[in-house]
Every structure is written in C-alpha cells, then in structure tokens.
Amino acid sequence: MEQAHYIELKKQVGEALQSQAAQHDKAILTLAAGALALSLTFIKDIAPTPDGWTISLLAWSWGCFIGSVCLTLVSFQVSVCAFRRFDEILNIQQSKPDADASTLKNHWGTVTLVLNRLSLVMFIAGTIVLSVSSHHGLKVKAQKERDVSQKSSEIAGAVPPSPPVAQLPAIPPVTPSKPGHGAIPASPPVRPPQAPPPPPAPPKKSGG
C-alpha cells in the first residue's frame, strides 16, 4: 500500500470515528432527556398515585438517566483535553522522532472512552428500570380500577335493608281486683227461667 493511500485511509477512519462519537453523545443526550420527560408524563397522566415500589424504581431510573447525561457532558470536556494531548504528541513526534513511546500516551482519550461507555451502560440500565416501573404501575392501576368496579357493582346490586319494625309497648296483664278495694262487684249468676206454676183447681160444689 502506498504511503499516500495509507494516510488517506487513516484520515477517513479518524473522521468516521469522530463522527460516530459525536452522534453517540448526541443520541445519549436526546434519548435520556426524552426518557425523563416520558417518566414524568407517566406519573402525571397514567399513574398519578404510584405505590412505594413504583416510586423507588422511578427514582432509580431518573438517577441512571441523569447520570448518563452528566457523564456525556463530562466526556465532552475530557475529549477536548484528549485532542489537545494528541496535538502535543504529534508535535513531539515531529520534532523528536526518537522520543520515548512511554511519554507519548494519551490518557485523556482512554478516560473519554470509559466515560462514553459508562454513560451508555447507565442509559440502558435506566431504560430497563423505567420499563419495569411502568409495567408495575400499570398493573397496580388496573387492579385498583377492578376493585373500584367490583365495589360499584356490589353496591348497585345490593338489596336495601328493610326498615326496622317499631315494637308496640307491652300491655301489662289484668289482675282481678279484690272486693272492697274499689272494684265493681261481679253480677250475680243468671238463673235459667222456670216454668210458671199450674193454675189452682176450681172448688168442688157440694150436693144438695
């Protein structure tokens, strides 16, 4: 391979790597910010009253997304330092071709690569945790809706209790009064009617 062709290929590879790194950082920032907005919309419109476990999972997902964004932003500044160090290495190699290779290492480039990989890992972890919390929140919401519907149907189909029957006061038993205590004497017993006596016989006439 000719030297000019080799240099041209190296240049194209460097430009492609730089473009892919820029697109990666841009995608991480966009997707992480969108996931945060999506989780807030989920709480506001779909599950406004999440339980404790869902809140904990959402907090973990928010932490992962925020961490991913912060690592990406830090990698921007570290990459600037990596390019500056790379420029210094080129100058050293140009001025001192026999320079020690141990002094030509670019540690900033390694740090940038680690930060980019960590941001990607945290974004994936946040996406997984957000998916689990969303699934759990939807299941809890569906269970609550079923409970409310069941209670409503039970109330609608229940027979209203009959009103309590008012009890009349008990009538005390009547005890017979004793004579001489203001009681009305009992009427004498009624005798059955008797046949009238026969009419007297007429007197007999004497003979003469």
N, C-alpha and C. Protein backbone atom coordinates (compact mmCIF):
# COMPACT_ATOMS: atom_id res chain seq x y z
N MET A 1 0.85 -1.19 0.00
CA MET A 1 0.00 0.00 0.00
C MET A 1 0.89 1.24 0.00
N GLU A 2 0.58 2.15 -0.88
CA GLU A 2 1.36 3.37 -0.96
C GLU A 2 1.14 4.24 0.28
N GLN A 3 2.14 5.05 0.58
CA GLN A 3 2.10 5.89 1.76
C GLN A 3 0.97 6.91 1.67
N ALA A 4 0.76 7.48 0.50
CA ALA A 4 -0.31 8.49 0.36
C ALA A 4 -1.68 7.86 0.56
N HIS A 5 -1.86 6.64 0.01
CA HIS A 5 -3.14 5.96 0.17
C HIS A 5 -3.37 5.57 1.63
N TYR A 6 -2.29 5.15 2.29
CA TYR A 6 -2.39 4.78 3.70
C TYR A 6 -2.79 5.99 4.54
N ILE A 7 -2.18 7.14 4.27
CA ILE A 7 -2.51 8.36 5.02
C ILE A 7 -3.96 8.78 4.77
N GLU A 8 -4.42 8.61 3.57
CA GLU A 8 -5.80 8.98 3.24
C GLU A 8 -6.80 8.07 3.97
N LEU A 9 -6.49 6.78 4.03
CA LEU A 9 -7.37 5.85 4.74
C LEU A 9 -7.39 6.16 6.24
N LYS A 10 -6.23 6.45 6.80
CA LYS A 10 -6.17 6.79 8.23
C LYS A 10 -6.98 8.05 8.51
N LYS A 11 -6.93 9.00 7.61
CA LYS A 11 -7.69 10.23 7.77
C LYS A 11 -9.19 9.95 7.75
N GLN A 12 -9.63 9.09 6.82
CA GLN A 12 -11.04 8.75 6.73
C GLN A 12 -11.51 7.99 7.98
N VAL A 13 -10.67 7.10 8.46
CA VAL A 13 -11.03 6.36 9.68
C VAL A 13 -11.16 7.30 10.87
N GLY A 14 -10.23 8.24 10.99
CA GLY A 14 -10.31 9.20 12.09
C GLY A 14 -11.56 10.06 12.03
N GLU A 15 -11.88 10.50 10.83
CA GLU A 15 -13.09 11.32 10.68
C GLU A 15 -14.36 10.51 10.99
N ALA A 16 -14.37 9.23 10.57
CA ALA A 16 -15.53 8.39 10.85
C ALA A 16 -15.69 8.14 12.35
N LEU A 17 -14.56 7.89 13.02
CA LEU A 17 -14.61 7.69 14.46
C LEU A 17 -15.11 8.93 15.19
N GLN A 18 -14.62 10.07 14.77
CA GLN A 18 -15.05 11.32 15.39
C GLN A 18 -16.54 11.58 15.15
N SER A 19 -17.02 11.27 13.94
CA SER A 19 -18.44 11.47 13.64
C SER A 19 -19.30 10.51 14.44
N GLN A 20 -18.87 9.26 14.56
CA GLN A 20 -19.65 8.29 15.34
C GLN A 20 -19.69 8.65 16.81
N ALA A 21 -18.57 9.16 17.33
CA ALA A 21 -18.56 9.56 18.73
C ALA A 21 -19.49 10.74 18.97
N ALA A 22 -19.51 11.69 18.05
CA ALA A 22 -20.41 12.84 18.19
C ALA A 22 -21.88 12.41 18.11
N GLN A 23 -22.19 11.50 17.19
CA GLN A 23 -23.56 11.02 17.09
C GLN A 23 -23.98 10.22 18.32
N HIS A 24 -23.04 9.44 18.88
CA HIS A 24 -23.33 8.69 20.10
C HIS A 24 -23.67 9.64 21.25
N ASP A 25 -22.85 10.66 21.43
CA ASP A 25 -23.11 11.61 22.52
C ASP A 25 -24.44 12.34 22.32
N LYS A 26 -24.71 12.72 21.10
CA LYS A 26 -25.97 13.42 20.81
C LYS A 26 -27.16 12.51 21.05
N ALA A 27 -27.06 11.24 20.66
CA ALA A 27 -28.16 10.30 20.86
C ALA A 27 -28.40 10.04 22.34
N ILE A 28 -27.33 9.91 23.12
CA ILE A 28 -27.48 9.67 24.56
C ILE A 28 -28.19 10.84 25.21
N LEU A 29 -27.78 12.05 24.89
CA LEU A 29 -28.42 13.22 25.48
C LEU A 29 -29.90 13.32 25.10
N THR A 30 -30.20 13.08 23.83
CA THR A 30 -31.59 13.19 23.37
C THR A 30 -32.47 12.12 24.00
N LEU A 31 -32.00 10.88 23.98
CA LEU A 31 -32.81 9.78 24.50
C LEU A 31 -32.97 9.85 26.01
N ALA A 32 -31.92 10.24 26.72
CA ALA A 32 -32.02 10.34 28.18
C ALA A 32 -33.00 11.45 28.58
N ALA A 33 -32.91 12.59 27.91
CA ALA A 33 -33.86 13.67 28.20
C ALA A 33 -35.29 13.26 27.85
N GLY A 34 -35.46 12.54 26.73
CA GLY A 34 -36.80 12.07 26.37
C GLY A 34 -37.34 11.06 27.36
N ALA A 35 -36.48 10.18 27.87
CA ALA A 35 -36.93 9.20 28.86
C ALA A 35 -37.36 9.88 30.16
N LEU A 36 -36.64 10.91 30.57
CA LEU A 36 -37.05 11.66 31.77
C LEU A 36 -38.42 12.30 31.56
N ALA A 37 -38.62 12.93 30.40
CA ALA A 37 -39.93 13.53 30.13
C ALA A 37 -41.03 12.48 30.06
N LEU A 38 -40.72 11.32 29.49
CA LEU A 38 -41.71 10.25 29.40
C LEU A 38 -42.11 9.73 30.78
N SER A 39 -41.14 9.60 31.66
CA SER A 39 -41.46 9.13 33.01
C SER A 39 -42.32 10.14 33.77
N LEU A 40 -42.06 11.42 33.60
CA LEU A 40 -42.87 12.44 34.25
C LEU A 40 -44.30 12.43 33.69
N THR A 41 -44.43 12.24 32.38
CA THR A 41 -45.76 12.14 31.78
C THR A 41 -46.50 10.91 32.29
N PHE A 42 -45.77 9.82 32.49
CA PHE A 42 -46.38 8.60 33.01
C PHE A 42 -46.97 8.83 34.40
N ILE A 43 -46.25 9.54 35.25
CA ILE A 43 -46.75 9.81 36.59
C ILE A 43 -47.93 10.77 36.55
N LYS A 44 -47.87 11.75 35.68
CA LYS A 44 -48.91 12.78 35.65
C LYS A 44 -50.22 12.27 35.07
N ASP A 45 -50.17 11.51 33.97
CA ASP A 45 -51.39 11.15 33.25
C ASP A 45 -51.84 9.71 33.45
N ILE A 46 -50.92 8.80 33.65
CA ILE A 46 -51.28 7.37 33.70
C ILE A 46 -51.36 6.86 35.13
N ALA A 47 -50.36 7.11 35.92
CA ALA A 47 -50.35 6.61 37.31
C ALA A 47 -50.03 7.75 38.26
N PRO A 48 -51.02 8.63 38.52
CA PRO A 48 -50.74 9.78 39.38
C PRO A 48 -50.50 9.43 40.84
N THR A 49 -50.92 8.23 41.26
CA THR A 49 -50.72 7.81 42.65
C THR A 49 -49.97 6.48 42.68
N PRO A 50 -48.68 6.48 42.33
CA PRO A 50 -47.93 5.21 42.35
C PRO A 50 -47.65 4.76 43.77
N ASP A 51 -47.45 3.44 43.93
CA ASP A 51 -47.14 2.92 45.24
C ASP A 51 -45.65 3.08 45.52
N GLY A 52 -45.24 2.59 46.68
CA GLY A 52 -43.85 2.81 47.11
C GLY A 52 -42.83 2.16 46.21
N TRP A 53 -43.14 0.94 45.74
CA TRP A 53 -42.16 0.24 44.90
C TRP A 53 -42.00 0.94 43.57
N THR A 54 -43.10 1.41 42.99
CA THR A 54 -43.00 2.12 41.70
C THR A 54 -42.21 3.41 41.85
N ILE A 55 -42.43 4.13 42.94
CA ILE A 55 -41.68 5.38 43.17
C ILE A 55 -40.19 5.09 43.29
N SER A 56 -39.83 4.02 43.98
CA SER A 56 -38.41 3.67 44.13
C SER A 56 -37.78 3.34 42.77
N LEU A 57 -38.50 2.58 41.96
CA LEU A 57 -37.96 2.24 40.64
C LEU A 57 -37.82 3.48 39.76
N LEU A 58 -38.82 4.36 39.83
CA LEU A 58 -38.72 5.60 39.05
C LEU A 58 -37.53 6.44 39.50
N ALA A 59 -37.30 6.49 40.80
CA ALA A 59 -36.16 7.26 41.31
C ALA A 59 -34.83 6.68 40.79
N TRP A 60 -34.73 5.34 40.76
CA TRP A 60 -33.52 4.72 40.23
C TRP A 60 -33.36 5.02 38.74
N SER A 61 -34.45 4.95 37.99
CA SER A 61 -34.34 5.24 36.55
C SER A 61 -33.95 6.69 36.32
N TRP A 62 -34.52 7.62 37.11
CA TRP A 62 -34.13 9.03 36.97
C TRP A 62 -32.64 9.21 37.27
N GLY A 63 -32.17 8.53 38.32
CA GLY A 63 -30.75 8.62 38.64
C GLY A 63 -29.86 8.11 37.52
N CYS A 64 -30.27 7.01 36.89
CA CYS A 64 -29.48 6.47 35.78
C CYS A 64 -29.47 7.42 34.59
N PHE A 65 -30.63 7.99 34.26
CA PHE A 65 -30.68 8.91 33.11
C PHE A 65 -29.89 10.18 33.38
N ILE A 66 -30.03 10.74 34.58
CA ILE A 66 -29.28 11.95 34.92
C ILE A 66 -27.78 11.66 34.93
N GLY A 67 -27.41 10.49 35.48
CA GLY A 67 -26.00 10.12 35.47
C GLY A 67 -25.47 9.95 34.06
N SER A 68 -26.28 9.38 33.18
CA SER A 68 -25.85 9.22 31.79
C SER A 68 -25.63 10.57 31.12
N VAL A 69 -26.53 11.50 31.35
CA VAL A 69 -26.38 12.84 30.78
C VAL A 69 -25.13 13.53 31.33
N CYS A 70 -24.92 13.43 32.63
CA CYS A 70 -23.75 14.08 33.24
C CYS A 70 -22.45 13.48 32.72
N LEU A 71 -22.40 12.15 32.60
CA LEU A 71 -21.18 11.52 32.07
C LEU A 71 -20.92 11.95 30.63
N THR A 72 -21.98 12.07 29.85
CA THR A 72 -21.80 12.51 28.46
C THR A 72 -21.27 13.94 28.39
N LEU A 73 -21.81 14.81 29.24
CA LEU A 73 -21.34 16.19 29.25
C LEU A 73 -19.88 16.29 29.70
N VAL A 74 -19.52 15.48 30.69
CA VAL A 74 -18.13 15.48 31.15
C VAL A 74 -17.20 14.95 30.05
N SER A 75 -17.70 13.96 29.30
CA SER A 75 -16.85 13.40 28.24
C SER A 75 -16.55 14.43 27.16
N PHE A 76 -17.44 15.43 26.98
CA PHE A 76 -17.15 16.49 26.02
C PHE A 76 -15.87 17.23 26.40
N GLN A 77 -15.79 17.62 27.66
CA GLN A 77 -14.62 18.36 28.11
C GLN A 77 -13.36 17.48 28.11
N VAL A 78 -13.55 16.22 28.50
CA VAL A 78 -12.38 15.32 28.51
C VAL A 78 -11.88 15.07 27.09
N SER A 79 -12.80 14.99 26.14
CA SER A 79 -12.38 14.78 24.75
C SER A 79 -11.60 15.97 24.23
N VAL A 80 -11.93 17.18 24.71
CA VAL A 80 -11.16 18.36 24.32
C VAL A 80 -9.71 18.22 24.80
N CYS A 81 -9.58 17.74 26.05
CA CYS A 81 -8.23 17.51 26.58
C CYS A 81 -7.51 16.41 25.80
N ALA A 82 -8.26 15.41 25.34
CA ALA A 82 -7.66 14.32 24.56
C ALA A 82 -7.14 14.83 23.22
N PHE A 83 -7.89 15.72 22.58
CA PHE A 83 -7.42 16.28 21.30
C PHE A 83 -6.18 17.16 21.50
N ARG A 84 -6.18 17.92 22.61
CA ARG A 84 -5.01 18.75 22.88
C ARG A 84 -3.77 17.88 23.12
N ARG A 85 -3.96 16.78 23.86
CA ARG A 85 -2.84 15.88 24.11
C ARG A 85 -2.38 15.22 22.81
N PHE A 86 -3.31 14.88 21.97
CA PHE A 86 -2.96 14.28 20.68
C PHE A 86 -2.16 15.25 19.82
N ASP A 87 -2.50 16.53 19.89
CA ASP A 87 -1.75 17.55 19.15
C ASP A 87 -0.33 17.66 19.70
N GLU A 88 -0.21 17.56 21.05
CA GLU A 88 1.13 17.60 21.63
C GLU A 88 1.97 16.39 21.20
N ILE A 89 1.35 15.23 21.14
CA ILE A 89 2.08 14.04 20.72
C ILE A 89 2.57 14.16 19.29
N LEU A 90 1.73 14.71 18.43
CA LEU A 90 2.15 14.91 17.03
C LEU A 90 3.34 15.85 16.95
N ASN A 91 3.28 16.92 17.76
CA ASN A 91 4.41 17.87 17.74
C ASN A 91 5.70 17.22 18.24
N ILE A 92 5.55 16.37 19.28
CA ILE A 92 6.74 15.71 19.80
C ILE A 92 7.31 14.73 18.78
N GLN A 93 6.44 13.97 18.15
CA GLN A 93 6.91 13.02 17.13
C GLN A 93 7.55 13.73 15.93
N GLN A 94 7.06 14.91 15.63
CA GLN A 94 7.62 15.65 14.51
C GLN A 94 8.98 16.24 14.85
N SER A 95 9.10 16.73 16.09
CA SER A 95 10.37 17.36 16.48
C SER A 95 11.38 16.35 17.00
N LYS A 96 10.90 15.28 17.63
CA LYS A 96 11.81 14.27 18.18
C LYS A 96 11.35 12.89 17.72
N PRO A 97 11.78 12.46 16.58
CA PRO A 97 11.34 11.15 16.07
C PRO A 97 11.74 9.99 16.96
N ASP A 98 12.85 10.13 17.72
CA ASP A 98 13.31 9.05 18.57
C ASP A 98 12.84 9.21 20.02
N ALA A 99 11.74 9.92 20.26
CA ALA A 99 11.25 10.13 21.61
C ALA A 99 10.73 8.83 22.20
N ASP A 100 10.81 8.72 23.53
CA ASP A 100 10.34 7.51 24.22
C ASP A 100 8.83 7.37 24.04
N ALA A 101 8.38 6.16 23.70
CA ALA A 101 6.95 5.92 23.46
C ALA A 101 6.12 6.05 24.73
N SER A 102 6.76 5.81 25.89
CA SER A 102 6.00 5.91 27.15
C SER A 102 5.57 7.33 27.45
N THR A 103 6.25 8.30 26.85
CA THR A 103 5.87 9.70 27.08
C THR A 103 4.85 10.20 26.06
N LEU A 104 4.44 9.32 25.16
CA LEU A 104 3.52 9.72 24.10
C LEU A 104 2.12 9.13 24.28
N LYS A 105 1.80 8.70 25.48
CA LYS A 105 0.49 8.12 25.73
C LYS A 105 -0.55 9.21 25.95
N ASN A 106 -1.74 8.94 25.47
CA ASN A 106 -2.85 9.90 25.60
C ASN A 106 -3.88 9.31 26.58
N HIS A 107 -3.69 9.61 27.85
CA HIS A 107 -4.60 9.07 28.86
C HIS A 107 -6.00 9.72 28.78
N TRP A 108 -6.04 10.94 28.26
CA TRP A 108 -7.35 11.59 28.16
C TRP A 108 -8.27 10.85 27.18
N GLY A 109 -7.70 10.29 26.15
CA GLY A 109 -8.51 9.51 25.23
C GLY A 109 -9.10 8.27 25.89
N THR A 110 -8.31 7.63 26.77
CA THR A 110 -8.83 6.47 27.50
C THR A 110 -9.97 6.85 28.43
N VAL A 111 -9.77 8.00 29.11
CA VAL A 111 -10.83 8.47 30.02
C VAL A 111 -12.11 8.79 29.25
N THR A 112 -11.95 9.39 28.09
CA THR A 112 -13.14 9.71 27.27
C THR A 112 -13.88 8.44 26.87
N LEU A 113 -13.15 7.42 26.48
CA LEU A 113 -13.77 6.15 26.09
C LEU A 113 -14.51 5.52 27.27
N VAL A 114 -13.89 5.57 28.46
CA VAL A 114 -14.55 4.99 29.65
C VAL A 114 -15.83 5.75 29.99
N LEU A 115 -15.78 7.08 29.90
CA LEU A 115 -16.96 7.88 30.21
C LEU A 115 -18.11 7.60 29.23
N ASN A 116 -17.78 7.47 27.96
CA ASN A 116 -18.81 7.17 26.96
C ASN A 116 -19.45 5.81 27.21
N ARG A 117 -18.63 4.83 27.56
CA ARG A 117 -19.18 3.50 27.82
C ARG A 117 -20.03 3.49 29.10
N LEU A 118 -19.59 4.21 30.11
CA LEU A 118 -20.39 4.29 31.34
C LEU A 118 -21.73 4.98 31.09
N SER A 119 -21.71 6.03 30.30
CA SER A 119 -22.97 6.72 30.01
C SER A 119 -23.93 5.81 29.26
N LEU A 120 -23.40 4.98 28.35
CA LEU A 120 -24.26 4.04 27.62
C LEU A 120 -24.82 2.98 28.56
N VAL A 121 -23.99 2.47 29.47
CA VAL A 121 -24.46 1.45 30.42
C VAL A 121 -25.55 2.03 31.33
N MET A 122 -25.36 3.24 31.83
CA MET A 122 -26.35 3.85 32.71
C MET A 122 -27.65 4.15 31.96
N PHE A 123 -27.54 4.52 30.69
CA PHE A 123 -28.76 4.75 29.92
C PHE A 123 -29.54 3.45 29.73
N ILE A 124 -28.84 2.36 29.42
CA ILE A 124 -29.53 1.08 29.26
C ILE A 124 -30.16 0.63 30.57
N ALA A 125 -29.42 0.80 31.68
CA ALA A 125 -29.99 0.42 32.99
C ALA A 125 -31.21 1.26 33.33
N GLY A 126 -31.15 2.56 33.05
CA GLY A 126 -32.31 3.42 33.31
C GLY A 126 -33.51 3.03 32.47
N THR A 127 -33.27 2.63 31.23
CA THR A 127 -34.37 2.21 30.36
C THR A 127 -35.03 0.94 30.89
N ILE A 128 -34.22 -0.01 31.34
CA ILE A 128 -34.77 -1.26 31.88
C ILE A 128 -35.58 -1.00 33.14
N VAL A 129 -35.02 -0.19 34.05
CA VAL A 129 -35.72 0.10 35.31
C VAL A 129 -37.02 0.87 35.05
N LEU A 130 -36.98 1.81 34.10
CA LEU A 130 -38.19 2.57 33.77
C LEU A 130 -39.26 1.65 33.19
N SER A 131 -38.86 0.69 32.37
CA SER A 131 -39.83 -0.25 31.81
C SER A 131 -40.47 -1.10 32.90
N VAL A 132 -39.67 -1.56 33.85
CA VAL A 132 -40.21 -2.37 34.94
C VAL A 132 -41.16 -1.55 35.80
N SER A 133 -40.78 -0.32 36.13
CA SER A 133 -41.65 0.52 36.96
C SER A 133 -42.94 0.86 36.23
N SER A 134 -42.87 1.10 34.93
CA SER A 134 -44.08 1.40 34.17
C SER A 134 -45.02 0.19 34.14
N HIS A 135 -44.45 -0.98 33.93
CA HIS A 135 -45.28 -2.19 33.92
C HIS A 135 -45.94 -2.41 35.27
N HIS A 136 -45.18 -2.22 36.35
CA HIS A 136 -45.75 -2.41 37.69
C HIS A 136 -46.81 -1.35 37.98
N GLY A 137 -46.55 -0.10 37.57
CA GLY A 137 -47.54 0.94 37.80
C GLY A 137 -48.84 0.70 37.05
N LEU A 138 -48.74 0.22 35.80
CA LEU A 138 -49.94 -0.09 35.03
C LEU A 138 -50.71 -1.25 35.65
N LYS A 139 -49.98 -2.24 36.18
CA LYS A 139 -50.66 -3.36 36.81
C LYS A 139 -51.38 -2.93 38.08
N VAL A 140 -50.75 -2.08 38.88
CA VAL A 140 -51.40 -1.59 40.09
C VAL A 140 -52.62 -0.74 39.75
N LYS A 141 -52.50 0.08 38.72
CA LYS A 141 -53.65 0.90 38.31
C LYS A 141 -54.81 0.04 37.85
N ALA A 142 -54.53 -1.01 37.06
CA ALA A 142 -55.60 -1.90 36.60
C ALA A 142 -56.25 -2.62 37.77
N GLN A 143 -55.46 -3.02 38.77
CA GLN A 143 -56.03 -3.69 39.93
C GLN A 143 -56.93 -2.75 40.72
N LYS A 144 -56.53 -1.50 40.86
CA LYS A 144 -57.36 -0.53 41.56
C LYS A 144 -58.66 -0.28 40.81
N GLU A 145 -58.59 -0.20 39.49
CA GLU A 145 -59.81 0.01 38.71
C GLU A 145 -60.75 -1.19 38.83
N ARG A 146 -60.18 -2.41 38.86
CA ARG A 146 -61.04 -3.59 39.04
C ARG A 146 -61.69 -3.59 40.41
N ASP A 147 -60.95 -3.19 41.43
CA ASP A 147 -61.53 -3.15 42.78
C ASP A 147 -62.66 -2.13 42.86
N VAL A 148 -62.45 -0.96 42.26
CA VAL A 148 -63.49 0.07 42.28
C VAL A 148 -64.73 -0.40 41.52
N SER A 149 -64.52 -1.05 40.36
CA SER A 149 -65.65 -1.54 39.58
C SER A 149 -66.41 -2.63 40.33
N GLN A 150 -65.68 -3.49 41.02
CA GLN A 150 -66.34 -4.56 41.78
C GLN A 150 -67.15 -3.98 42.93
N LYS A 151 -66.60 -3.00 43.63
CA LYS A 151 -67.34 -2.38 44.72
C LYS A 151 -68.58 -1.66 44.21
N SER A 152 -68.46 -1.01 43.06
CA SER A 152 -69.61 -0.31 42.49
C SER A 152 -70.72 -1.29 42.12
N SER A 153 -70.34 -2.43 41.53
CA SER A 153 -71.36 -3.42 41.17
C SER A 153 -72.00 -4.03 42.40
N GLU A 154 -71.22 -4.23 43.45
CA GLU A 154 -71.79 -4.77 44.67
C GLU A 154 -72.77 -3.79 45.30
N ILE A 155 -72.43 -2.51 45.27
CA ILE A 155 -73.33 -1.51 45.84
C ILE A 155 -74.59 -1.40 45.01
N ALA A 156 -74.45 -1.46 43.67
CA ALA A 156 -75.63 -1.33 42.80
C ALA A 156 -76.55 -2.54 42.93
N GLY A 157 -76.02 -3.74 43.12
CA GLY A 157 -76.85 -4.94 43.20
C GLY A 157 -77.27 -5.33 44.59
N ALA A 158 -76.88 -4.58 45.58
CA ALA A 158 -77.25 -4.92 46.96
C ALA A 158 -78.70 -4.57 47.23
N VAL A 159 -79.46 -5.43 47.98
CA VAL A 159 -80.85 -5.17 48.37
C VAL A 159 -80.84 -4.27 49.59
N PRO A 160 -81.54 -3.13 49.54
CA PRO A 160 -81.53 -2.25 50.71
C PRO A 160 -82.20 -2.92 51.89
N PRO A 161 -81.69 -2.79 53.07
CA PRO A 161 -82.29 -3.44 54.24
C PRO A 161 -83.66 -2.85 54.56
N SER A 162 -84.58 -3.72 55.02
CA SER A 162 -85.93 -3.26 55.37
C SER A 162 -85.86 -2.41 56.63
N PRO A 163 -86.74 -1.40 56.70
CA PRO A 163 -86.71 -0.55 57.88
C PRO A 163 -87.11 -1.33 59.12
N PRO A 164 -86.58 -1.00 60.24
CA PRO A 164 -86.91 -1.73 61.47
C PRO A 164 -88.37 -1.53 61.85
N VAL A 165 -89.02 -2.61 62.29
CA VAL A 165 -90.43 -2.57 62.71
C VAL A 165 -90.51 -2.03 64.13
N ALA A 166 -91.35 -1.00 64.28
CA ALA A 166 -91.50 -0.41 65.61
C ALA A 166 -92.27 -1.36 66.51
N GLN A 167 -91.75 -1.63 67.64
CA GLN A 167 -92.39 -2.54 68.59
C GLN A 167 -93.34 -1.77 69.50
N LEU A 168 -94.56 -2.32 69.62
CA LEU A 168 -95.56 -1.70 70.50
C LEU A 168 -95.21 -2.00 71.94
N PRO A 169 -95.56 -1.07 72.81
CA PRO A 169 -95.28 -1.34 74.24
C PRO A 169 -96.11 -2.51 74.74
N ALA A 170 -95.53 -3.30 75.57
CA ALA A 170 -96.21 -4.49 76.11
C ALA A 170 -97.35 -4.08 77.03
N ILE A 171 -98.51 -4.75 76.89
CA ILE A 171 -99.69 -4.48 77.74
C ILE A 171 -99.56 -5.32 78.99
N PRO A 172 -99.58 -4.68 80.14
CA PRO A 172 -99.47 -5.46 81.38
C PRO A 172 -100.69 -6.34 81.58
N PRO A 173 -100.54 -7.50 82.13
CA PRO A 173 -101.70 -8.39 82.37
C PRO A 173 -102.65 -7.80 83.40
N VAL A 174 -103.97 -8.05 83.16
CA VAL A 174 -105.02 -7.55 84.07
C VAL A 174 -105.22 -8.56 85.18
N THR A 175 -105.00 -8.11 86.37
CA THR A 175 -105.19 -8.99 87.55
C THR A 175 -106.55 -8.69 88.17
N PRO A 176 -107.28 -9.72 88.56
CA PRO A 176 -108.60 -9.48 89.20
C PRO A 176 -108.46 -8.71 90.50
N SER A 177 -109.32 -7.76 90.63
CA SER A 177 -109.29 -6.93 91.84
C SER A 177 -110.00 -7.66 92.98
N LYS A 178 -109.58 -7.39 94.17
CA LYS A 178 -110.20 -7.97 95.36
C LYS A 178 -111.39 -7.13 95.79
N PRO A 179 -112.41 -7.78 96.38
CA PRO A 179 -113.57 -6.99 96.87
C PRO A 179 -113.14 -6.04 97.97
N GLY A 180 -113.82 -4.93 97.97
CA GLY A 180 -113.52 -3.93 99.00
C GLY A 180 -112.39 -3.04 98.67
N HIS A 181 -111.87 -3.12 97.47
CA HIS A 181 -110.75 -2.27 97.08
C HIS A 181 -111.14 -1.43 95.88
N GLY A 182 -112.44 -1.01 95.87
CA GLY A 182 -112.87 -0.15 94.78
C GLY A 182 -113.21 -0.89 93.54
N ALA A 183 -113.35 -2.21 93.65
CA ALA A 183 -113.66 -2.98 92.46
C ALA A 183 -115.16 -3.08 92.31
N ILE A 184 -115.64 -3.20 91.13
CA ILE A 184 -117.06 -3.36 90.84
C ILE A 184 -117.43 -4.79 91.13
N PRO A 185 -118.48 -5.01 92.02
CA PRO A 185 -118.85 -6.39 92.33
C PRO A 185 -119.35 -7.12 91.10
N ALA A 186 -119.02 -8.34 91.10
CA ALA A 186 -119.45 -9.15 89.95
C ALA A 186 -120.96 -9.34 89.99
N SER A 187 -121.61 -9.35 88.86
CA SER A 187 -123.06 -9.55 88.78
C SER A 187 -123.41 -10.98 89.17
N PRO A 188 -124.60 -11.14 89.84
CA PRO A 188 -124.96 -12.49 90.26
C PRO A 188 -125.20 -13.36 89.07
N PRO A 189 -125.07 -14.64 89.29
CA PRO A 189 -125.28 -15.54 88.16
C PRO A 189 -126.73 -15.55 87.72
N VAL A 190 -126.97 -15.61 86.46
CA VAL A 190 -128.32 -15.62 85.88
C VAL A 190 -128.87 -17.02 85.94
N ARG A 191 -130.08 -17.12 86.61
CA ARG A 191 -130.71 -18.44 86.72
C ARG A 191 -131.54 -18.69 85.49
N PRO A 192 -131.65 -19.91 85.10
CA PRO A 192 -132.46 -20.21 83.92
C PRO A 192 -133.95 -19.99 84.22
N PRO A 193 -134.76 -19.58 83.28
CA PRO A 193 -136.20 -19.34 83.54
C PRO A 193 -136.93 -20.63 83.92
N GLN A 194 -137.83 -20.50 84.91
CA GLN A 194 -138.61 -21.66 85.39
C GLN A 194 -140.03 -21.60 84.81
N ALA A 195 -140.60 -22.76 84.65
CA ALA A 195 -141.98 -22.83 84.13
C ALA A 195 -142.97 -22.25 85.15
N PRO A 196 -144.00 -21.50 84.69
CA PRO A 196 -144.98 -20.93 85.65
C PRO A 196 -145.76 -22.04 86.37
N PRO A 197 -146.11 -21.82 87.60
CA PRO A 197 -146.86 -22.86 88.33
C PRO A 197 -148.23 -23.07 87.67
N PRO A 198 -148.82 -24.29 87.79
CA PRO A 198 -150.16 -24.52 87.20
C PRO A 198 -151.24 -23.72 87.92
N PRO A 199 -152.27 -23.31 87.18
CA PRO A 199 -153.37 -22.55 87.85
C PRO A 199 -154.08 -23.41 88.91
N PRO A 200 -154.58 -22.78 89.92
CA PRO A 200 -155.26 -23.55 91.00
C PRO A 200 -156.54 -24.20 90.48
N ALA A 201 -156.87 -25.37 91.01
CA ALA A 201 -158.08 -26.08 90.58
C ALA A 201 -159.32 -25.38 91.10
N PRO A 202 -160.44 -25.36 90.36
CA PRO A 202 -161.70 -24.70 90.85
C PRO A 202 -162.29 -25.48 92.02
N PRO A 203 -162.96 -24.81 92.94
CA PRO A 203 -163.55 -25.51 94.11
C PRO A 203 -164.68 -26.40 93.67
N LYS A 204 -164.83 -27.55 94.32
CA LYS A 204 -165.90 -28.51 94.04
C LYS A 204 -167.22 -28.06 94.72
N LYS A 205 -168.36 -28.21 93.99
CA LYS A 205 -169.70 -27.85 94.53
C LYS A 205 -170.21 -29.03 95.39
N SER A 206 -170.88 -28.69 96.46
CA SER A 206 -171.48 -29.71 97.34
C SER A 206 -172.86 -30.09 96.83
N GLY A 207 -173.34 -31.38 97.00
CA GLY A 207 -174.62 -31.83 96.53
C GLY A 207 -175.75 -31.43 97.43
N GLY A 208 -176.85 -31.17 97.03
CA GLY A 208 -177.99 -30.84 97.83
C GLY A 208 -179.03 -30.36 97.04
